[in-house]
PDB file of N, CA and C in Angstrom:
ATOM      1  N   MET A   1       8.026  -4.960  -5.435  1.00  0.00           N
ATOM      2  CA  MET A   1       7.584  -5.599  -6.670  1.00  0.00           C
ATOM      3  C   MET A   1       6.227  -6.277  -6.434  1.00  0.00           C
ATOM      4  N   ALA A   2       5.354  -6.184  -7.408  1.00  0.00           N
ATOM      5  CA  ALA A   2       4.005  -6.754  -7.300  1.00  0.00           C
ATOM      6  C   ALA A   2       4.069  -8.281  -7.289  1.00  0.00           C
ATOM      7  N   GLU A   3       3.142  -8.859  -6.547  1.00  0.00           N
ATOM      8  CA  GLU A   3       3.054 -10.317  -6.464  1.00  0.00           C
ATOM      9  C   GLU A   3       2.663 -10.889  -7.824  1.00  0.00           C
ATOM     10  N   LEU A   4       3.260 -12.005  -8.201  1.00  0.00           N
ATOM     11  CA  LEU A   4       2.937 -12.648  -9.466  1.00  0.00           C
ATOM     12  C   LEU A   4       1.502 -13.167  -9.453  1.00  0.00           C
ATOM     13  N   GLU A   5       0.864 -13.074 -10.602  1.00  0.00           N
ATOM     14  CA  GLU A   5      -0.510 -13.560 -10.725  1.00  0.00           C
ATOM     15  C   GLU A   5      -0.597 -15.047 -10.396  1.00  0.00           C
ATOM     16  N   SER A   6       0.430 -15.810 -10.745  1.00  0.00           N
ATOM     17  CA  SER A   6       0.429 -17.246 -10.459  1.00  0.00           C
ATOM     18  C   SER A   6       0.386 -17.518  -8.955  1.00  0.00           C
ATOM     19  N   LYS A   7       1.037 -16.693  -8.165  1.00  0.00           N
ATOM     20  CA  LYS A   7       1.013 -16.849  -6.701  1.00  0.00           C
ATOM     21  C   LYS A   7      -0.381 -16.526  -6.159  1.00  0.00           C
ATOM     22  N   ILE A   8      -0.997 -15.488  -6.723  1.00  0.00           N
ATOM     23  CA  ILE A   8      -2.359 -15.119  -6.318  1.00  0.00           C
ATOM     24  C   ILE A   8      -3.319 -16.258  -6.656  1.00  0.00           C
ATOM     25  N   GLN A   9      -3.180 -16.817  -7.864  1.00  0.00           N
ATOM     26  CA  GLN A   9      -4.035 -17.927  -8.288  1.00  0.00           C
ATOM     27  C   GLN A   9      -3.882 -19.122  -7.362  1.00  0.00           C
ATOM     28  N   ALA A  10      -2.652 -19.463  -7.007  1.00  0.00           N
ATOM     29  CA  ALA A  10      -2.413 -20.614  -6.135  1.00  0.00           C
ATOM     30  C   ALA A  10      -3.108 -20.425  -4.788  1.00  0.00           C
ATOM     31  N   ARG A  11      -3.063 -19.226  -4.251  1.00  0.00           N
ATOM     32  CA  ARG A  11      -3.708 -18.932  -2.973  1.00  0.00           C
ATOM     33  C   ARG A  11      -5.240 -19.052  -3.106  1.00  0.00           C
ATOM     34  N   ILE A  12      -5.783 -18.530  -4.204  1.00  0.00           N
ATOM     35  CA  ILE A  12      -7.229 -18.604  -4.440  1.00  0.00           C
ATOM     36  C   ILE A  12      -7.670 -20.059  -4.615  1.00  0.00           C
ATOM     37  N   ILE A  13      -6.911 -20.827  -5.383  1.00  0.00           N
ATOM     38  CA  ILE A  13      -7.241 -22.242  -5.601  1.00  0.00           C
ATOM     39  C   ILE A  13      -7.267 -22.985  -4.274  1.00  0.00           C
ATOM     40  N   LYS A  14      -6.270 -22.781  -3.453  1.00  0.00           N
ATOM     41  CA  LYS A  14      -6.201 -23.455  -2.156  1.00  0.00           C
ATOM     42  C   LYS A  14      -7.423 -23.115  -1.299  1.00  0.00           C
ATOM     43  N   ARG A  15      -7.793 -21.837  -1.270  1.00  0.00           N
ATOM     44  CA  ARG A  15      -8.940 -21.402  -0.477  1.00  0.00           C
ATOM     45  C   ARG A  15     -10.245 -22.018  -1.008  1.00  0.00           C
ATOM     46  N   LEU A  16     -10.427 -21.976  -2.334  1.00  0.00           N
ATOM     47  CA  LEU A  16     -11.654 -22.521  -2.917  1.00  0.00           C
ATOM     48  C   LEU A  16     -11.763 -24.027  -2.709  1.00  0.00           C
ATOM     49  N   GLU A  17     -10.649 -24.744  -2.850  1.00  0.00           N
ATOM     50  CA  GLU A  17     -10.686 -26.190  -2.639  1.00  0.00           C
ATOM     51  C   GLU A  17     -11.022 -26.507  -1.182  1.00  0.00           C
ATOM     52  N   ALA A  18     -10.556 -25.675  -0.246  1.00  0.00           N
ATOM     53  CA  ALA A  18     -10.907 -25.852   1.168  1.00  0.00           C
ATOM     54  C   ALA A  18     -12.406 -25.638   1.389  1.00  0.00           C
ATOM     55  N   GLU A  19     -13.040 -24.845   0.511  1.00  0.00           N
ATOM     56  CA  GLU A  19     -14.481 -24.589   0.588  1.00  0.00           C
ATOM     57  C   GLU A  19     -15.294 -25.638  -0.174  1.00  0.00           C
ATOM     58  N   GLY A  20     -14.627 -26.651  -0.734  1.00  0.00           N
ATOM     59  CA  GLY A  20     -15.321 -27.741  -1.400  1.00  0.00           C
ATOM     60  C   GLY A  20     -15.451 -27.627  -2.904  1.00  0.00           C
ATOM     61  N   TYR A  21     -14.828 -26.637  -3.502  1.00  0.00           N
ATOM     62  CA  TYR A  21     -14.869 -26.495  -4.955  1.00  0.00           C
ATOM     63  C   TYR A  21     -13.858 -27.439  -5.608  1.00  0.00           C
ATOM     64  N   TYR A  22     -14.201 -27.922  -6.784  1.00  0.00           N
ATOM     65  CA  TYR A  22     -13.265 -28.623  -7.652  1.00  0.00           C
ATOM     66  C   TYR A  22     -12.785 -27.539  -8.614  1.00  0.00           C
ATOM     67  N   VAL A  23     -11.498 -27.192  -8.554  1.00  0.00           N
ATOM     68  CA  VAL A  23     -10.978 -26.055  -9.304  1.00  0.00           C
ATOM     69  C   VAL A  23     -10.051 -26.556 -10.416  1.00  0.00           C
ATOM     70  N   VAL A  24     -10.314 -26.101 -11.634  1.00  0.00           N
ATOM     71  CA  VAL A  24      -9.482 -26.446 -12.780  1.00  0.00           C
ATOM     72  C   VAL A  24      -8.825 -25.176 -13.295  1.00  0.00           C
ATOM     73  N   LYS A  25      -7.494 -25.174 -13.360  1.00  0.00           N
ATOM     74  CA  LYS A  25      -6.733 -24.053 -13.939  1.00  0.00           C
ATOM     75  C   LYS A  25      -6.717 -24.260 -15.446  1.00  0.00           C
ATOM     76  N   LEU A  26      -7.319 -23.334 -16.175  1.00  0.00           N
ATOM     77  CA  LEU A  26      -7.398 -23.437 -17.638  1.00  0.00           C
ATOM     78  C   LEU A  26      -6.167 -22.766 -18.243  1.00  0.00           C
ATOM     79  N   ILE A  27      -5.302 -23.552 -18.863  1.00  0.00           N
ATOM     80  CA  ILE A  27      -4.046 -23.013 -19.387  1.00  0.00           C
ATOM     81  C   ILE A  27      -4.122 -22.858 -20.907  1.00  0.00           C
ATOM     82  N   LEU A  28      -4.061 -23.953 -21.609  1.00  0.00           N
ATOM     83  CA  LEU A  28      -4.125 -23.899 -23.069  1.00  0.00           C
ATOM     84  C   LEU A  28      -5.458 -24.482 -23.511  1.00  0.00           C
ATOM     85  N   THR A  29      -6.277 -23.646 -24.106  1.00  0.00           N
ATOM     86  CA  THR A  29      -7.567 -24.103 -24.609  1.00  0.00           C
ATOM     87  C   THR A  29      -7.698 -23.664 -26.058  1.00  0.00           C
ATOM     88  N   ASN A  30      -8.747 -24.094 -26.704  1.00  0.00           N
ATOM     89  CA  ASN A  30      -8.999 -23.657 -28.074  1.00  0.00           C
ATOM     90  C   ASN A  30      -9.659 -22.282 -28.113  1.00  0.00           C
ATOM     91  N   LYS A  31      -9.884 -21.686 -26.944  1.00  0.00           N
ATOM     92  CA  LYS A  31     -10.512 -20.366 -26.846  1.00  0.00           C
ATOM     93  C   LYS A  31      -9.566 -19.407 -26.128  1.00  0.00           C
ATOM     94  N   ASN A  32      -8.837 -18.626 -26.865  1.00  0.00           N
ATOM     95  CA  ASN A  32      -7.980 -17.619 -26.237  1.00  0.00           C
ATOM     96  C   ASN A  32      -8.851 -16.666 -25.429  1.00  0.00           C
ATOM     97  N   GLY A  33      -8.338 -16.221 -24.299  1.00  0.00           N
ATOM     98  CA  GLY A  33      -9.053 -15.264 -23.467  1.00  0.00           C
ATOM     99  C   GLY A  33     -10.011 -15.881 -22.461  1.00  0.00           C
ATOM    100  N   ILE A  34     -10.068 -17.222 -22.428  1.00  0.00           N
ATOM    101  CA  ILE A  34     -10.964 -17.888 -21.470  1.00  0.00           C
ATOM    102  C   ILE A  34     -10.493 -17.560 -20.046  1.00  0.00           C
ATOM    103  N   PRO A  35     -11.391 -17.420 -19.082  1.00  0.00           N
ATOM    104  CA  PRO A  35     -10.960 -17.121 -17.710  1.00  0.00           C
ATOM    105  C   PRO A  35      -9.979 -18.158 -17.159  1.00  0.00           C
ATOM    106  N   ASP A  36      -9.232 -17.763 -16.151  1.00  0.00           N
ATOM    107  CA  ASP A  36      -8.162 -18.587 -15.589  1.00  0.00           C
ATOM    108  C   ASP A  36      -8.650 -19.855 -14.910  1.00  0.00           C
ATOM    109  N   LEU A  37      -9.753 -19.757 -14.171  1.00  0.00           N
ATOM    110  CA  LEU A  37     -10.188 -20.865 -13.340  1.00  0.00           C
ATOM    111  C   LEU A  37     -11.621 -21.280 -13.642  1.00  0.00           C
ATOM    112  N   LEU A  38     -11.827 -22.580 -13.690  1.00  0.00           N
ATOM    113  CA  LEU A  38     -13.155 -23.170 -13.788  1.00  0.00           C
ATOM    114  C   LEU A  38     -13.477 -23.735 -12.412  1.00  0.00           C
ATOM    115  N   LEU A  39     -14.596 -23.299 -11.829  1.00  0.00           N
ATOM    116  CA  LEU A  39     -15.013 -23.745 -10.506  1.00  0.00           C
ATOM    117  C   LEU A  39     -16.229 -24.647 -10.642  1.00  0.00           C
ATOM    118  N   LEU A  40     -16.169 -25.814 -10.015  1.00  0.00           N
ATOM    119  CA  LEU A  40     -17.274 -26.767 -10.058  1.00  0.00           C
ATOM    120  C   LEU A  40     -17.688 -27.109  -8.634  1.00  0.00           C
ATOM    121  N   LYS A  41     -18.994 -26.974  -8.349  1.00  0.00           N
ATOM    122  CA  LYS A  41     -19.503 -27.331  -7.027  1.00  0.00           C
ATOM    123  C   LYS A  41     -21.020 -27.472  -7.100  1.00  0.00           C
ATOM    124  N   ASP A  42     -21.521 -28.521  -6.508  1.00  0.00           N
ATOM    125  CA  ASP A  42     -22.964 -28.746  -6.422  1.00  0.00           C
ATOM    126  C   ASP A  42     -23.653 -28.693  -7.784  1.00  0.00           C
ATOM    127  N   GLY A  43     -23.005 -29.218  -8.804  1.00  0.00           N
ATOM    128  CA  GLY A  43     -23.591 -29.256 -10.138  1.00  0.00           C
ATOM    129  C   GLY A  43     -23.585 -27.943 -10.888  1.00  0.00           C
ATOM    130  N   VAL A  44     -22.843 -26.959 -10.375  1.00  0.00           N
ATOM    131  CA  VAL A  44     -22.794 -25.631 -11.002  1.00  0.00           C
ATOM    132  C   VAL A  44     -21.352 -25.328 -11.411  1.00  0.00           C
ATOM    133  N   ALA A  45     -21.215 -24.784 -12.620  1.00  0.00           N
ATOM    134  CA  ALA A  45     -19.904 -24.356 -13.120  1.00  0.00           C
ATOM    135  C   ALA A  45     -19.862 -22.834 -13.161  1.00  0.00           C
ATOM    136  N   SER A  46     -18.739 -22.268 -12.753  1.00  0.00           N
ATOM    137  CA  SER A  46     -18.524 -20.825 -12.864  1.00  0.00           C
ATOM    138  C   SER A  46     -17.056 -20.579 -13.198  1.00  0.00           C
ATOM    139  N   PHE A  47     -16.756 -19.350 -13.562  1.00  0.00           N
ATOM    140  CA  PHE A  47     -15.412 -19.005 -14.029  1.00  0.00           C
ATOM    141  C   PHE A  47     -14.886 -17.785 -13.287  1.00  0.00           C
ATOM    142  N   VAL A  48     -13.565 -17.782 -13.067  1.00  0.00           N
ATOM    143  CA  VAL A  48     -12.913 -16.655 -12.415  1.00  0.00           C
ATOM    144  C   VAL A  48     -11.679 -16.258 -13.212  1.00  0.00           C
ATOM    145  N   GLU A  49     -11.585 -14.982 -13.519  1.00  0.00           N
ATOM    146  CA  GLU A  49     -10.379 -14.390 -14.105  1.00  0.00           C
ATOM    147  C   GLU A  49      -9.633 -13.718 -12.961  1.00  0.00           C
ATOM    148  N   VAL A  50      -8.388 -14.119 -12.742  1.00  0.00           N
ATOM    149  CA  VAL A  50      -7.583 -13.582 -11.649  1.00  0.00           C
ATOM    150  C   VAL A  50      -6.671 -12.480 -12.188  1.00  0.00           C
ATOM    151  N   LYS A  51      -6.684 -11.347 -11.506  1.00  0.00           N
ATOM    152  CA  LYS A  51      -5.841 -10.218 -11.893  1.00  0.00           C
ATOM    153  C   LYS A  51      -5.148  -9.643 -10.670  1.00  0.00           C
ATOM    154  N   ARG A  52      -3.987  -9.098 -10.881  1.00  0.00           N
ATOM    155  CA  ARG A  52      -3.331  -8.336  -9.821  1.00  0.00           C
ATOM    156  C   ARG A  52      -4.163  -7.079  -9.589  1.00  0.00           C
ATOM    157  N   PRO A  53      -4.045  -6.467  -8.413  1.00  0.00           N
ATOM    158  CA  PRO A  53      -4.890  -5.299  -8.096  1.00  0.00           C
ATOM    159  C   PRO A  53      -4.779  -4.151  -9.095  1.00  0.00           C
ATOM    160  N   ASP A  54      -3.644  -4.002  -9.736  1.00  0.00           N
ATOM    161  CA  ASP A  54      -3.439  -2.881 -10.652  1.00  0.00           C
ATOM    162  C   ASP A  54      -3.742  -3.226 -12.109  1.00  0.00           C
ATOM    163  N   LYS A  55      -4.304  -4.400 -12.368  1.00  0.00           N
ATOM    164  CA  LYS A  55      -4.563  -4.848 -13.736  1.00  0.00           C
ATOM    165  C   LYS A  55      -6.050  -5.066 -13.972  1.00  0.00           C
ATOM    166  N   SER A  56      -6.443  -5.037 -15.240  1.00  0.00           N
ATOM    167  CA  SER A  56      -7.825  -5.295 -15.650  1.00  0.00           C
ATOM    168  C   SER A  56      -7.819  -6.313 -16.778  1.00  0.00           C
ATOM    169  N   PRO A  57      -8.949  -6.985 -16.996  1.00  0.00           N
ATOM    170  CA  PRO A  57      -9.011  -7.944 -18.104  1.00  0.00           C
ATOM    171  C   PRO A  57      -8.774  -7.259 -19.454  1.00  0.00           C
ATOM    172  N   ARG A  58      -8.129  -8.001 -20.339  1.00  0.00           N
ATOM    173  CA  ARG A  58      -7.933  -7.522 -21.711  1.00  0.00           C
ATOM    174  C   ARG A  58      -9.274  -7.594 -22.451  1.00  0.00           C
ATOM    175  N   PRO A  59      -9.405  -6.859 -23.549  1.00  0.00           N
ATOM    176  CA  PRO A  59     -10.678  -6.881 -24.299  1.00  0.00           C
ATOM    177  C   PRO A  59     -11.140  -8.291 -24.683  1.00  0.00           C
ATOM    178  N   LEU A  60     -10.228  -9.150 -25.112  1.00  0.00           N
ATOM    179  CA  LEU A  60     -10.626 -10.513 -25.473  1.00  0.00           C
ATOM    180  C   LEU A  60     -11.133 -11.275 -24.247  1.00  0.00           C
ATOM    181  N   GLN A  61     -10.517 -11.067 -23.099  1.00  0.00           N
ATOM    182  CA  GLN A  61     -10.982 -11.713 -21.875  1.00  0.00           C
ATOM    183  C   GLN A  61     -12.381 -11.223 -21.508  1.00  0.00           C
ATOM    184  N   GLU A  62     -12.627  -9.935 -21.644  1.00  0.00           N
ATOM    185  CA  GLU A  62     -13.955  -9.389 -21.377  1.00  0.00           C
ATOM    186  C   GLU A  62     -14.990  -9.989 -22.335  1.00  0.00           C
ATOM    187  N   TYR A  63     -14.609 -10.137 -23.600  1.00  0.00           N
ATOM    188  CA  TYR A  63     -15.488 -10.730 -24.603  1.00  0.00           C
ATOM    189  C   TYR A  63     -15.851 -12.164 -24.219  1.00  0.00           C
ATOM    190  N   ARG A  64     -14.848 -12.965 -23.834  1.00  0.00           N
ATOM    191  CA  ARG A  64     -15.099 -14.359 -23.453  1.00  0.00           C
ATOM    192  C   ARG A  64     -16.011 -14.442 -22.229  1.00  0.00           C
ATOM    193  N   MET A  65     -15.804 -13.555 -21.265  1.00  0.00           N
ATOM    194  CA  MET A  65     -16.658 -13.565 -20.078  1.00  0.00           C
ATOM    195  C   MET A  65     -18.099 -13.210 -20.441  1.00  0.00           C
ATOM    196  N   ARG A  66     -18.280 -12.275 -21.370  1.00  0.00           N
ATOM    197  CA  ARG A  66     -19.640 -11.944 -21.827  1.00  0.00           C
ATOM    198  C   ARG A  66     -20.275 -13.154 -22.522  1.00  0.00           C
ATOM    199  N   GLU A  67     -19.488 -13.852 -23.358  1.00  0.00           N
ATOM    200  CA  GLU A  67     -19.992 -15.062 -24.031  1.00  0.00           C
ATOM    201  C   GLU A  67     -20.487 -16.089 -23.009  1.00  0.00           C
ATOM    202  N   LEU A  68     -19.659 -16.354 -22.008  1.00  0.00           N
ATOM    203  CA  LEU A  68     -19.999 -17.347 -20.989  1.00  0.00           C
ATOM    204  C   LEU A  68     -21.212 -16.913 -20.172  1.00  0.00           C
ATOM    205  N   THR A  69     -21.294 -15.625 -19.864  1.00  0.00           N
ATOM    206  CA  THR A  69     -22.432 -15.103 -19.101  1.00  0.00           C
ATOM    207  C   THR A  69     -23.717 -15.272 -19.903  1.00  0.00           C
ATOM    208  N   LYS A  70     -23.663 -15.009 -21.206  1.00  0.00           N
ATOM    209  CA  LYS A  70     -24.842 -15.182 -22.061  1.00  0.00           C
ATOM    210  C   LYS A  70     -25.293 -16.636 -22.121  1.00  0.00           C
ATOM    211  N   MET A  71     -24.339 -17.560 -21.896  1.00  0.00           N
ATOM    212  CA  MET A  71     -24.659 -18.989 -21.888  1.00  0.00           C
ATOM    213  C   MET A  71     -25.169 -19.445 -20.519  1.00  0.00           C
ATOM    214  N   GLY A  72     -25.239 -18.513 -19.557  1.00  0.00           N
ATOM    215  CA  GLY A  72     -25.789 -18.834 -18.255  1.00  0.00           C
ATOM    216  C   GLY A  72     -24.782 -19.114 -17.157  1.00  0.00           C
ATOM    217  N   PHE A  73     -23.501 -18.938 -17.445  1.00  0.00           N
ATOM    218  CA  PHE A  73     -22.473 -19.180 -16.443  1.00  0.00           C
ATOM    219  C   PHE A  73     -22.123 -17.902 -15.705  1.00  0.00           C
ATOM    220  N   LYS A  74     -21.801 -18.047 -14.442  1.00  0.00           N
ATOM    221  CA  LYS A  74     -21.322 -16.911 -13.642  1.00  0.00           C
ATOM    222  C   LYS A  74     -19.839 -16.713 -13.937  1.00  0.00           C
ATOM    223  N   CYS A  75     -19.456 -15.478 -14.216  1.00  0.00           N
ATOM    224  CA  CYS A  75     -18.061 -15.120 -14.471  1.00  0.00           C
ATOM    225  C   CYS A  75     -17.708 -13.909 -13.624  1.00  0.00           C
ATOM    226  N   GLU A  76     -16.550 -13.978 -12.969  1.00  0.00           N
ATOM    227  CA  GLU A  76     -16.125 -12.867 -12.131  1.00  0.00           C
ATOM    228  C   GLU A  76     -14.637 -12.600 -12.338  1.00  0.00           C
ATOM    229  N   VAL A  77     -14.251 -11.374 -12.072  1.00  0.00           N
ATOM    230  CA  VAL A  77     -12.847 -11.001 -12.029  1.00  0.00           C
ATOM    231  C   VAL A  77     -12.500 -10.815 -10.559  1.00  0.00           C
ATOM    232  N   TRP A  78     -11.471 -11.517 -10.103  1.00  0.00           N
ATOM    233  CA  TRP A  78     -11.018 -11.399  -8.714  1.00  0.00           C
ATOM    234  C   TRP A  78      -9.657 -10.730  -8.701  1.00  0.00           C
ATOM    235  N   LYS A  79      -9.528  -9.717  -7.902  1.00  0.00           N
ATOM    236  CA  LYS A  79      -8.257  -9.022  -7.722  1.00  0.00           C
ATOM    237  C   LYS A  79      -7.834  -9.167  -6.270  1.00  0.00           C
ATOM    238  N   GLU A  80      -6.598  -9.534  -6.060  1.00  0.00           N
ATOM    239  CA  GLU A  80      -6.076  -9.653  -4.690  1.00  0.00           C
ATOM    240  C   GLU A  80      -4.722  -9.008  -4.617  1.00  0.00           C
TER     241      GLU A  80
END
C-alpha cells in the first residue's frame, strides 16, 4: 500500500525545519487548491505541494501555483 501523503508531509516538514525553515501546513484557507506547505526563511516565502510519487496536482492546484508564481513566489511540487 502506498504511503499516506500526510506521512510524506511530516517527513518533509521535519527535514525543512532542521534546515532552518519555518514551515506552515496550510489546511483550511479561503483559497481552495493552495499548496500544502508555506516555507519561510531569510525573508523569503515559497510554497510546496506534496504528492505521492504516482499522483499529480489537480487542475485547481496547478492554477493556484501559477497565480503564486506570477506574484513572484517560488512554487514546487515535491514527490517522495
